[in-house]
N, C-alpha and C. Protein backbone atom coordinates (compact mmCIF):
# COMPACT_ATOMS: atom_id res chain seq x y z
N MET A 1 -113.36 73.04 -180.63
CA MET A 1 -112.03 72.52 -181.29
C MET A 1 -111.76 71.31 -180.40
N GLU A 2 -110.91 69.96 -180.73
CA GLU A 2 -110.42 69.37 -179.77
C GLU A 2 -109.41 69.02 -180.15
N HIS A 3 -108.37 68.63 -179.67
CA HIS A 3 -107.02 67.91 -179.97
C HIS A 3 -106.52 67.07 -178.68
N SER A 4 -106.04 66.08 -179.39
CA SER A 4 -105.73 64.91 -178.87
C SER A 4 -104.26 64.58 -179.35
N LEU A 5 -103.51 64.14 -178.25
CA LEU A 5 -101.80 63.96 -179.17
C LEU A 5 -101.83 62.81 -178.21
N VAL A 6 -100.97 61.80 -179.23
CA VAL A 6 -100.28 60.54 -178.64
C VAL A 6 -99.27 60.69 -179.05
N HIS A 7 -97.80 60.40 -178.42
CA HIS A 7 -96.39 60.60 -179.06
C HIS A 7 -95.53 60.60 -178.20
N ASP A 8 -94.22 60.31 -177.86
CA ASP A 8 -93.44 60.07 -177.14
C ASP A 8 -92.28 60.64 -177.42
N VAL A 9 -92.07 61.54 -176.46
CA VAL A 9 -91.00 62.60 -176.23
C VAL A 9 -89.95 62.71 -175.41
N GLY A 10 -88.68 63.03 -175.58
CA GLY A 10 -87.39 62.90 -174.59
C GLY A 10 -87.83 64.84 -173.81
N ASP A 11 -87.63 64.36 -172.49
CA ASP A 11 -87.61 65.60 -171.70
C ASP A 11 -86.80 66.86 -172.22
N ALA A 12 -85.52 66.97 -173.08
CA ALA A 12 -85.27 68.23 -173.56
C ALA A 12 -86.49 68.81 -174.40
N GLU A 13 -86.93 67.72 -175.20
CA GLU A 13 -88.07 68.60 -175.82
C GLU A 13 -89.16 69.32 -175.75
N THR A 14 -89.61 68.37 -174.04
CA THR A 14 -90.88 68.66 -173.25
C THR A 14 -91.54 69.98 -173.22
N LEU A 15 -90.92 71.01 -172.80
CA LEU A 15 -91.22 72.28 -172.92
C LEU A 15 -91.49 73.14 -173.94
N THR A 16 -90.59 72.74 -174.96
CA THR A 16 -90.81 73.48 -176.36
C THR A 16 -91.86 72.90 -177.18
N ILE A 17 -92.34 71.66 -176.94
CA ILE A 17 -93.53 70.86 -177.91
C ILE A 17 -94.56 71.21 -177.38
N PHE A 18 -94.87 71.77 -175.95
CA PHE A 18 -95.84 72.25 -175.83
C PHE A 18 -96.60 73.67 -176.08
N GLN A 19 -95.40 74.73 -176.20
CA GLN A 19 -95.59 76.00 -176.11
C GLN A 19 -96.46 76.47 -177.80
N PRO A 20 -96.56 75.54 -179.01
CA PRO A 20 -97.01 75.98 -179.92
C PRO A 20 -98.77 75.55 -179.58
N LEU A 21 -98.82 74.90 -178.73
CA LEU A 21 -100.38 74.68 -178.55
C LEU A 21 -101.23 76.26 -177.70
N LEU A 22 -100.26 77.12 -177.27
CA LEU A 22 -100.90 77.93 -176.52
C LEU A 22 -101.45 79.08 -177.56
N ALA A 23 -100.92 79.04 -178.83
CA ALA A 23 -101.68 80.19 -180.08
C ALA A 23 -103.18 79.62 -180.29
N LEU A 24 -103.79 77.96 -179.77
CA LEU A 24 -105.00 77.57 -180.54
C LEU A 24 -105.92 78.07 -178.87
N THR A 25 -106.11 79.20 -179.40
CA THR A 25 -106.77 80.20 -178.25
C THR A 25 -108.60 79.26 -178.22
N ARG A 26 -109.18 78.63 -179.49
CA ARG A 26 -110.59 78.50 -179.20
C ARG A 26 -110.65 76.89 -178.72
N ILE A 27 -109.65 76.36 -178.07
CA ILE A 27 -109.52 75.26 -177.61
C ILE A 27 -110.56 75.12 -176.50
N ARG A 28 -111.57 74.13 -176.27
CA ARG A 28 -112.73 73.84 -175.45
C ARG A 28 -111.97 72.69 -174.71
N LYS A 29 -111.72 71.28 -175.56
CA LYS A 29 -111.17 70.34 -175.00
C LYS A 29 -109.91 69.79 -175.52
N LEU A 30 -109.15 69.93 -174.57
CA LEU A 30 -107.30 69.56 -174.48
C LEU A 30 -107.22 68.08 -174.02
N THR A 31 -107.02 66.98 -174.75
CA THR A 31 -106.51 65.82 -173.90
C THR A 31 -104.90 65.51 -174.77
N LEU A 32 -104.49 65.56 -173.30
CA LEU A 32 -102.80 65.05 -174.22
C LEU A 32 -101.97 63.68 -173.39
N ARG A 33 -102.04 62.93 -174.35
CA ARG A 33 -101.60 61.58 -173.93
C ARG A 33 -100.02 61.47 -174.49
N LEU A 34 -99.06 61.69 -173.53
CA LEU A 34 -97.58 61.48 -174.01
C LEU A 34 -96.81 62.13 -172.66
N SER A 35 -95.77 61.02 -173.40
CA SER A 35 -94.63 61.45 -172.00
C SER A 35 -94.18 62.79 -172.16
N GLY A 36 -93.75 63.43 -171.10
CA GLY A 36 -93.59 64.66 -171.01
C GLY A 36 -94.49 65.63 -170.16
N VAL A 37 -96.22 65.20 -170.04
CA VAL A 37 -96.82 65.99 -169.93
C VAL A 37 -96.53 66.10 -168.42
N GLU A 38 -95.87 65.11 -167.83
CA GLU A 38 -95.54 65.32 -166.40
C GLU A 38 -94.68 66.61 -166.45
N MET A 39 -94.18 67.03 -167.13
CA MET A 39 -92.87 68.08 -166.74
C MET A 39 -93.97 69.21 -166.81
N LEU A 40 -94.75 69.59 -167.43
CA LEU A 40 -95.88 70.52 -166.91
C LEU A 40 -96.11 71.22 -165.34
N ASP A 41 -96.09 72.48 -165.42
CA ASP A 41 -96.11 72.75 -163.55
C ASP A 41 -97.21 74.09 -163.93
N ASP A 42 -97.43 74.75 -162.75
CA ASP A 42 -98.25 76.04 -162.78
C ASP A 42 -98.02 76.87 -163.45
N GLY A 43 -96.69 77.23 -163.86
CA GLY A 43 -96.69 78.25 -164.41
C GLY A 43 -97.29 77.80 -166.18
N TRP A 44 -97.05 76.95 -166.73
CA TRP A 44 -97.68 76.19 -167.79
C TRP A 44 -99.09 76.45 -168.13
N LEU A 45 -99.82 75.99 -166.49
CA LEU A 45 -101.36 75.87 -166.28
C LEU A 45 -101.68 77.39 -166.28
N ASN A 46 -101.15 78.07 -165.87
CA ASN A 46 -101.35 79.56 -165.77
C ASN A 46 -101.00 80.41 -167.13
N ARG A 47 -100.67 80.22 -168.10
CA ARG A 47 -100.30 80.20 -169.39
C ARG A 47 -101.72 79.64 -170.24
N ALA A 48 -101.49 78.54 -169.99
CA ALA A 48 -102.59 77.94 -170.94
C ALA A 48 -104.04 78.28 -170.67
N SER A 49 -104.41 78.61 -168.92
CA SER A 49 -105.46 79.06 -169.07
C SER A 49 -105.88 80.28 -169.23
N LYS A 50 -105.14 81.42 -169.75
CA LYS A 50 -104.67 82.62 -170.72
C LYS A 50 -105.33 82.14 -171.92
N SER A 51 -104.57 81.55 -172.45
CA SER A 51 -104.85 81.13 -173.65
C SER A 51 -106.15 80.40 -173.82
N PHE A 52 -106.36 79.62 -173.28
CA PHE A 52 -107.68 78.70 -173.76
C PHE A 52 -108.76 79.13 -172.63
N PRO A 53 -109.87 80.43 -173.05
CA PRO A 53 -110.48 80.80 -172.13
C PRO A 53 -111.87 80.46 -171.91
N GLN A 54 -112.04 79.51 -173.31
CA GLN A 54 -113.27 78.78 -173.18
C GLN A 54 -113.39 77.00 -173.51
N LEU A 55 -111.85 76.70 -172.75
CA LEU A 55 -111.69 75.46 -172.42
C LEU A 55 -113.06 74.89 -171.24
N GLN A 56 -113.26 73.91 -171.91
CA GLN A 56 -114.37 73.12 -170.80
C GLN A 56 -113.86 71.92 -170.29
N ASN A 57 -113.10 71.14 -170.87
CA ASN A 57 -111.99 69.61 -170.91
C ASN A 57 -110.89 69.68 -170.49
N LEU A 58 -110.16 69.55 -169.32
CA LEU A 58 -108.57 69.68 -169.55
C LEU A 58 -108.12 68.04 -168.76
N LYS A 59 -107.35 67.14 -169.71
CA LYS A 59 -107.03 65.80 -169.28
C LYS A 59 -105.49 65.92 -170.13
N LEU A 60 -104.81 65.70 -168.63
CA LEU A 60 -103.16 65.59 -169.34
C LEU A 60 -102.95 64.42 -168.82
N TYR A 61 -102.15 63.31 -169.41
CA TYR A 61 -101.72 61.74 -169.15
C TYR A 61 -100.49 61.66 -169.52
N GLY A 62 -99.13 61.66 -168.55
CA GLY A 62 -97.71 61.33 -168.95
C GLY A 62 -97.52 60.05 -168.07
N ARG A 63 -96.23 60.16 -167.99
CA ARG A 63 -95.74 59.29 -167.10
C ARG A 63 -95.84 59.35 -165.83
N ALA A 64 -95.79 58.35 -165.40
CA ALA A 64 -96.29 58.53 -163.58
C ALA A 64 -94.91 58.41 -162.98
N VAL A 65 -94.89 59.97 -162.54
CA VAL A 65 -93.76 60.28 -161.53
C VAL A 65 -94.21 60.42 -160.49
N GLU A 66 -93.28 60.24 -159.23
CA GLU A 66 -93.44 60.61 -157.66
C GLU A 66 -93.69 62.34 -157.55
N ARG A 67 -92.86 62.84 -158.33
CA ARG A 67 -93.34 64.43 -157.34
C ARG A 67 -94.28 65.51 -158.99
N LYS A 68 -95.27 65.69 -158.60
CA LYS A 68 -95.89 65.96 -159.51
C LYS A 68 -95.94 67.59 -159.31
N ARG A 69 -95.56 68.27 -160.54
CA ARG A 69 -95.32 69.79 -160.85
C ARG A 69 -96.32 70.88 -160.77
N ILE A 70 -97.34 70.03 -160.94
CA ILE A 70 -98.72 70.89 -160.85
C ILE A 70 -99.49 70.82 -159.72
N THR A 71 -99.64 72.26 -158.92
CA THR A 71 -100.18 72.08 -157.85
C THR A 71 -101.73 72.67 -157.61
N LEU A 72 -102.30 72.05 -156.23
CA LEU A 72 -103.96 72.69 -156.30
C LEU A 72 -103.55 74.05 -156.36
N ALA A 73 -102.82 75.08 -155.81
CA ALA A 73 -102.88 76.13 -156.18
C ALA A 73 -102.56 76.46 -157.54
N GLY A 74 -102.02 75.59 -158.16
CA GLY A 74 -102.04 76.24 -159.97
C GLY A 74 -103.18 76.23 -159.98
N TYR A 75 -104.01 76.10 -159.92
CA TYR A 75 -105.56 75.98 -160.55
C TYR A 75 -106.49 77.29 -160.51
N ILE A 76 -105.82 78.11 -159.49
CA ILE A 76 -106.62 79.39 -159.68
C ILE A 76 -106.30 80.27 -160.23
N PRO A 77 -105.65 80.10 -161.14
CA PRO A 77 -105.48 80.92 -162.81
C PRO A 77 -106.45 80.60 -163.60
N VAL A 78 -106.75 79.02 -163.50
CA VAL A 78 -107.72 78.31 -164.19
C VAL A 78 -108.99 78.85 -163.81
N LEU A 79 -109.29 79.19 -162.44
CA LEU A 79 -110.62 79.58 -161.84
C LEU A 79 -111.02 81.20 -162.45
N GLN A 80 -109.75 81.55 -162.29
CA GLN A 80 -109.74 83.30 -163.12
C GLN A 80 -110.13 83.30 -164.76
N ASN A 81 -109.22 82.28 -165.57
CA ASN A 81 -109.85 82.47 -166.63
C ASN A 81 -110.55 81.21 -167.59
N CYS A 82 -110.91 80.38 -166.86
CA CYS A 82 -111.68 79.23 -167.84
C CYS A 82 -113.19 79.02 -166.89
N PRO A 83 -113.89 79.94 -166.82
CA PRO A 83 -114.99 79.92 -166.30
C PRO A 83 -115.78 78.38 -166.71
N ARG A 84 -116.15 78.13 -167.85
CA ARG A 84 -116.33 76.91 -168.45
C ARG A 84 -116.18 75.67 -168.06
N LEU A 85 -115.03 75.53 -167.40
CA LEU A 85 -114.25 74.34 -167.21
C LEU A 85 -114.98 73.02 -166.44
N SER A 86 -115.37 72.30 -166.40
CA SER A 86 -116.34 71.15 -165.94
C SER A 86 -115.57 70.27 -165.63
N GLU A 87 -114.32 69.90 -166.38
CA GLU A 87 -113.49 68.49 -166.01
C GLU A 87 -111.96 68.62 -166.05
N ILE A 88 -111.68 68.35 -165.23
CA ILE A 88 -110.04 67.86 -165.07
C ILE A 88 -109.53 66.79 -164.71
N SER A 89 -108.51 66.31 -165.50
CA SER A 89 -107.85 65.04 -165.25
C SER A 89 -106.42 65.49 -165.54
N VAL A 90 -105.73 65.80 -164.38
CA VAL A 90 -104.43 66.24 -164.35
C VAL A 90 -103.48 65.42 -163.17
N ALA A 91 -102.31 64.95 -163.33
CA ALA A 91 -101.91 64.37 -162.22
C ALA A 91 -101.24 65.91 -161.29
N THR A 92 -101.28 66.30 -160.40
CA THR A 92 -101.50 66.88 -159.27
C THR A 92 -101.08 66.82 -158.04
N ALA A 93 -100.42 67.39 -157.15
CA ALA A 93 -100.06 67.77 -155.93
C ALA A 93 -101.04 67.95 -155.24
N TYR A 94 -101.33 67.58 -154.35
CA TYR A 94 -102.83 68.08 -153.51
C TYR A 94 -101.91 68.52 -152.35
N ARG A 95 -101.50 69.85 -152.63
CA ARG A 95 -101.24 69.89 -150.91
C ARG A 95 -101.86 71.60 -150.72
N SER A 96 -101.96 71.88 -149.41
CA SER A 96 -102.73 72.80 -148.75
C SER A 96 -102.13 74.29 -149.03
N PHE A 97 -102.68 75.05 -149.07
CA PHE A 97 -102.19 76.85 -149.58
C PHE A 97 -103.19 77.69 -148.72
N ASP A 98 -103.05 78.79 -148.48
CA ASP A 98 -104.00 79.69 -147.83
C ASP A 98 -104.85 80.35 -148.71
N PRO A 99 -106.13 79.89 -148.73
CA PRO A 99 -107.04 80.03 -149.82
C PRO A 99 -107.50 81.83 -149.36
N ARG A 100 -107.44 82.12 -148.52
CA ARG A 100 -107.91 83.16 -148.01
C ARG A 100 -106.82 84.28 -148.88
N LYS A 101 -105.26 83.83 -148.94
CA LYS A 101 -104.48 85.06 -149.40
C LYS A 101 -104.70 84.75 -151.12
N ALA A 102 -105.14 83.69 -151.50
CA ALA A 102 -105.15 83.28 -153.34
C ALA A 102 -106.24 83.87 -153.78
N LEU A 103 -107.61 83.46 -153.11
CA LEU A 103 -108.55 83.24 -153.94
C LEU A 103 -109.42 84.59 -153.48
N THR A 104 -109.86 85.49 -154.68
CA THR A 104 -110.56 86.68 -154.16
C THR A 104 -112.14 85.96 -153.90
N ALA A 105 -112.83 87.07 -153.12
CA ALA A 105 -113.98 86.72 -152.63
C ALA A 105 -114.81 86.41 -153.81
N GLY A 106 -115.52 85.41 -153.57
CA GLY A 106 -116.10 84.59 -154.74
C GLY A 106 -115.75 84.03 -156.31
N LEU A 107 -114.54 83.85 -155.87
CA LEU A 107 -113.21 83.39 -156.83
C LEU A 107 -113.93 82.01 -157.09
N CYS A 108 -114.49 81.11 -157.57
CA CYS A 108 -114.43 79.44 -157.69
C CYS A 108 -115.00 79.25 -159.16
N ASN A 109 -115.10 78.05 -159.46
CA ASN A 109 -115.86 77.06 -160.81
C ASN A 109 -117.10 76.62 -160.17
N GLU A 110 -118.20 76.87 -160.62
CA GLU A 110 -118.93 75.95 -160.37
C GLU A 110 -119.90 74.99 -160.97
N ASN A 111 -119.07 74.82 -162.24
CA ASN A 111 -119.29 73.75 -163.31
C ASN A 111 -118.73 72.39 -162.85
N LEU A 112 -117.83 72.38 -162.46
CA LEU A 112 -117.00 71.35 -161.89
C LEU A 112 -117.69 70.70 -160.77
N TRP A 113 -117.91 69.21 -161.13
CA TRP A 113 -118.69 68.39 -159.97
C TRP A 113 -117.99 67.55 -159.73
N ASN A 114 -116.97 67.12 -160.76
CA ASN A 114 -116.38 65.80 -160.26
C ASN A 114 -114.61 66.05 -160.94
N LEU A 115 -113.48 65.66 -159.91
CA LEU A 115 -112.56 65.64 -159.90
C LEU A 115 -111.56 64.46 -160.04
N ASP A 116 -110.90 64.09 -161.27
CA ASP A 116 -110.26 63.04 -161.10
C ASP A 116 -108.89 63.03 -160.74
N CYS A 117 -108.35 62.53 -159.84
CA CYS A 117 -107.55 62.64 -158.92
C CYS A 117 -106.44 61.34 -159.28
N THR A 118 -106.77 60.48 -160.03
CA THR A 118 -105.93 58.87 -159.83
C THR A 118 -104.67 58.85 -160.12
N THR A 119 -104.12 60.00 -160.91
CA THR A 119 -102.72 60.03 -160.78
C THR A 119 -102.25 61.04 -159.84
N SER A 120 -102.45 61.31 -159.13
CA SER A 120 -102.02 62.63 -158.30
C SER A 120 -101.81 61.93 -156.76
N SER A 121 -101.13 62.90 -156.20
CA SER A 121 -100.17 62.55 -154.69
C SER A 121 -100.89 63.62 -153.59
N ILE A 122 -100.88 63.10 -152.47
CA ILE A 122 -101.72 63.87 -151.48
C ILE A 122 -100.24 64.31 -150.42
N GLU A 123 -100.35 65.51 -150.30
CA GLU A 123 -99.13 65.80 -149.44
C GLU A 123 -99.08 66.39 -148.30
N SER A 124 -100.42 67.21 -147.67
CA SER A 124 -100.61 67.68 -146.80
C SER A 124 -102.05 67.49 -145.89
N PRO A 125 -102.21 67.91 -144.70
CA PRO A 125 -103.62 67.50 -143.87
C PRO A 125 -104.85 67.37 -144.99
N VAL A 126 -105.23 66.73 -144.83
CA VAL A 126 -106.60 66.15 -145.34
C VAL A 126 -107.93 67.45 -145.35
N GLY A 127 -108.01 67.89 -143.93
CA GLY A 127 -109.12 68.75 -143.81
C GLY A 127 -108.47 70.36 -144.68
N ILE A 128 -107.57 70.65 -144.43
CA ILE A 128 -107.17 72.16 -145.52
C ILE A 128 -107.32 71.72 -146.68
N ILE A 129 -107.16 70.57 -147.17
CA ILE A 129 -106.98 70.36 -148.83
C ILE A 129 -108.42 70.26 -149.14
N PHE A 130 -109.42 69.86 -148.57
CA PHE A 130 -110.54 69.63 -148.67
C PHE A 130 -111.45 71.05 -148.65
N ARG A 131 -110.77 72.40 -147.42
CA ARG A 131 -111.34 73.19 -147.31
C ARG A 131 -111.13 74.27 -148.86
N CYS A 132 -109.86 74.04 -149.30
CA CYS A 132 -109.35 74.66 -150.71
C CYS A 132 -110.30 73.72 -151.83
N LEU A 133 -110.34 72.89 -151.48
CA LEU A 133 -111.15 72.31 -152.90
C LEU A 133 -112.88 72.57 -152.99
N ILE A 134 -113.00 73.41 -151.70
CA ILE A 134 -114.72 73.37 -151.98
C ILE A 134 -115.12 74.91 -151.91
N LEU A 135 -113.78 75.48 -151.47
CA LEU A 135 -113.96 77.03 -152.13
C LEU A 135 -113.43 77.18 -153.21
N MET A 136 -112.64 76.17 -154.00
CA MET A 136 -112.56 76.64 -155.15
C MET A 136 -113.37 76.06 -156.22
N PHE A 137 -113.99 74.64 -155.38
CA PHE A 137 -115.09 73.92 -156.87
C PHE A 137 -116.36 73.51 -155.55
N PRO A 138 -117.29 74.67 -155.57
CA PRO A 138 -118.29 74.48 -154.42
C PRO A 138 -119.29 73.58 -154.67
N ASN A 139 -119.39 72.79 -155.89
CA ASN A 139 -120.19 71.91 -156.53
C ASN A 139 -119.29 70.40 -156.58
N LEU A 140 -118.23 70.74 -155.79
CA LEU A 140 -117.80 69.05 -156.14
C LEU A 140 -118.28 68.27 -155.01
N CYS A 141 -118.56 67.07 -155.84
CA CYS A 141 -119.37 65.86 -155.11
C CYS A 141 -118.78 64.42 -155.75
N LEU A 142 -117.91 64.45 -156.68
CA LEU A 142 -117.39 62.95 -156.51
C LEU A 142 -115.84 63.12 -156.86
N LEU A 143 -115.18 62.39 -156.11
CA LEU A 143 -113.79 62.62 -156.38
C LEU A 143 -113.40 60.94 -156.62
N PHE A 144 -112.74 61.35 -157.90
CA PHE A 144 -111.91 59.70 -158.15
C PHE A 144 -110.64 59.87 -157.58
N ILE A 145 -110.41 58.97 -157.15
CA ILE A 145 -108.85 58.74 -155.96
C ILE A 145 -108.37 57.67 -156.58
N PRO A 146 -106.72 57.68 -156.38
CA PRO A 146 -106.28 56.66 -156.69
C PRO A 146 -106.64 55.03 -156.25
N LEU A 147 -105.68 54.03 -157.57
CA LEU A 147 -106.26 52.52 -157.09
C LEU A 147 -105.00 52.17 -156.38
N ASP A 148 -103.76 52.65 -156.51
CA ASP A 148 -102.96 52.32 -155.76
C ASP A 148 -102.26 53.16 -155.27
N PHE A 149 -101.64 52.72 -153.31
CA PHE A 149 -101.39 54.12 -152.98
C PHE A 149 -100.01 53.77 -152.46
N PRO A 150 -98.96 55.09 -152.40
CA PRO A 150 -97.75 54.52 -151.78
C PRO A 150 -97.38 54.23 -150.23
N SER A 151 -98.40 54.63 -149.70
CA SER A 151 -97.99 54.41 -148.17
C SER A 151 -99.88 54.21 -147.34
N GLU A 152 -99.74 53.40 -146.13
CA GLU A 152 -101.28 53.35 -145.79
C GLU A 152 -101.44 54.54 -145.20
N GLU A 153 -100.90 55.71 -145.22
CA GLU A 153 -101.23 56.67 -144.82
C GLU A 153 -101.85 57.15 -145.83
N ALA A 154 -101.49 57.51 -147.12
CA ALA A 154 -101.84 58.00 -148.11
C ALA A 154 -103.31 57.40 -148.70
N ARG A 155 -103.25 56.07 -148.06
CA ARG A 155 -104.46 55.40 -148.89
C ARG A 155 -105.78 56.28 -147.82
N LYS A 156 -105.42 55.94 -146.65
CA LYS A 156 -106.47 56.76 -145.77
C LYS A 156 -106.73 58.30 -145.92
N SER A 157 -105.80 58.88 -146.29
CA SER A 157 -105.94 60.35 -146.53
C SER A 157 -106.81 60.55 -147.82
N TRP A 158 -106.35 59.84 -148.61
CA TRP A 158 -107.58 59.73 -150.38
C TRP A 158 -108.97 59.35 -149.91
N ILE A 159 -109.09 58.61 -149.08
CA ILE A 159 -110.39 57.83 -148.66
C ILE A 159 -111.03 58.78 -147.83
N ASN A 160 -110.19 59.67 -146.67
CA ASN A 160 -110.96 60.44 -145.61
C ASN A 160 -111.20 61.62 -146.83
N LEU A 161 -110.54 62.37 -147.55
CA LEU A 161 -110.63 63.34 -148.66
C LEU A 161 -112.14 63.25 -149.37
N GLN A 162 -112.18 61.99 -150.08
CA GLN A 162 -113.24 61.31 -150.75
C GLN A 162 -114.57 61.30 -149.95
N ARG A 163 -114.31 61.18 -148.66
CA ARG A 163 -115.32 61.14 -147.79
C ARG A 163 -116.07 62.66 -147.72
N LEU A 164 -115.02 63.16 -147.18
CA LEU A 164 -115.56 64.65 -146.97
C LEU A 164 -116.09 65.51 -148.29
N VAL A 165 -115.82 65.17 -149.06
CA VAL A 165 -116.30 65.71 -150.65
C VAL A 165 -117.63 65.15 -150.96
N ARG A 166 -118.06 63.60 -150.75
CA ARG A 166 -119.01 63.50 -151.31
C ARG A 166 -120.12 63.98 -149.96
N GLU A 167 -119.59 64.00 -148.54
CA GLU A 167 -120.56 64.23 -147.54
C GLU A 167 -120.91 65.82 -147.49
N SER A 168 -120.31 66.64 -148.21
CA SER A 168 -120.46 68.01 -148.18
C SER A 168 -121.60 68.66 -149.07
N GLN A 169 -121.82 67.30 -150.13
CA GLN A 169 -122.91 67.81 -150.79
C GLN A 169 -124.00 66.92 -150.49
N MET A 170 -124.14 66.46 -149.31
CA MET A 170 -125.49 65.69 -148.76
C MET A 170 -126.33 66.88 -147.90
N TYR A 171 -125.71 68.02 -148.32
CA TYR A 171 -126.67 69.24 -147.14
C TYR A 171 -127.37 70.24 -148.34
């Protein structure tokens, strides 16, 4: 089952409009293109991962906002609940977390080999984010990075992260 919605909603309706989707437990591909998607957070991602165990593709496109509400650590429930996931395109705040505390031994997704970060932000040291990504997605070899950067520092961080991911799969 595949769903794609194109609609414009106000912020007051945002969380309410997404609630009925959680009842669609057989979703394999979910693409949402509407304002309000940018209001979704790690808690919603956790509930969605439990509702959509067969999920293979997750694409959430909303308005461009500076503060991303879904974080790299927010993907942990997705690793636990959506083992078939092979594609993610979600505006994410790439900030580090201690993967030893959050990831149980062997918990990873080996199906995902490319990650679309084109609407994401990077907020932490690249080396730590790289370690988190590789532990979570050991076959990750392609990272699509933003085309516009808010600063020279962000540009360098994204390019460095992209290089590290690419080089990690050369061996």
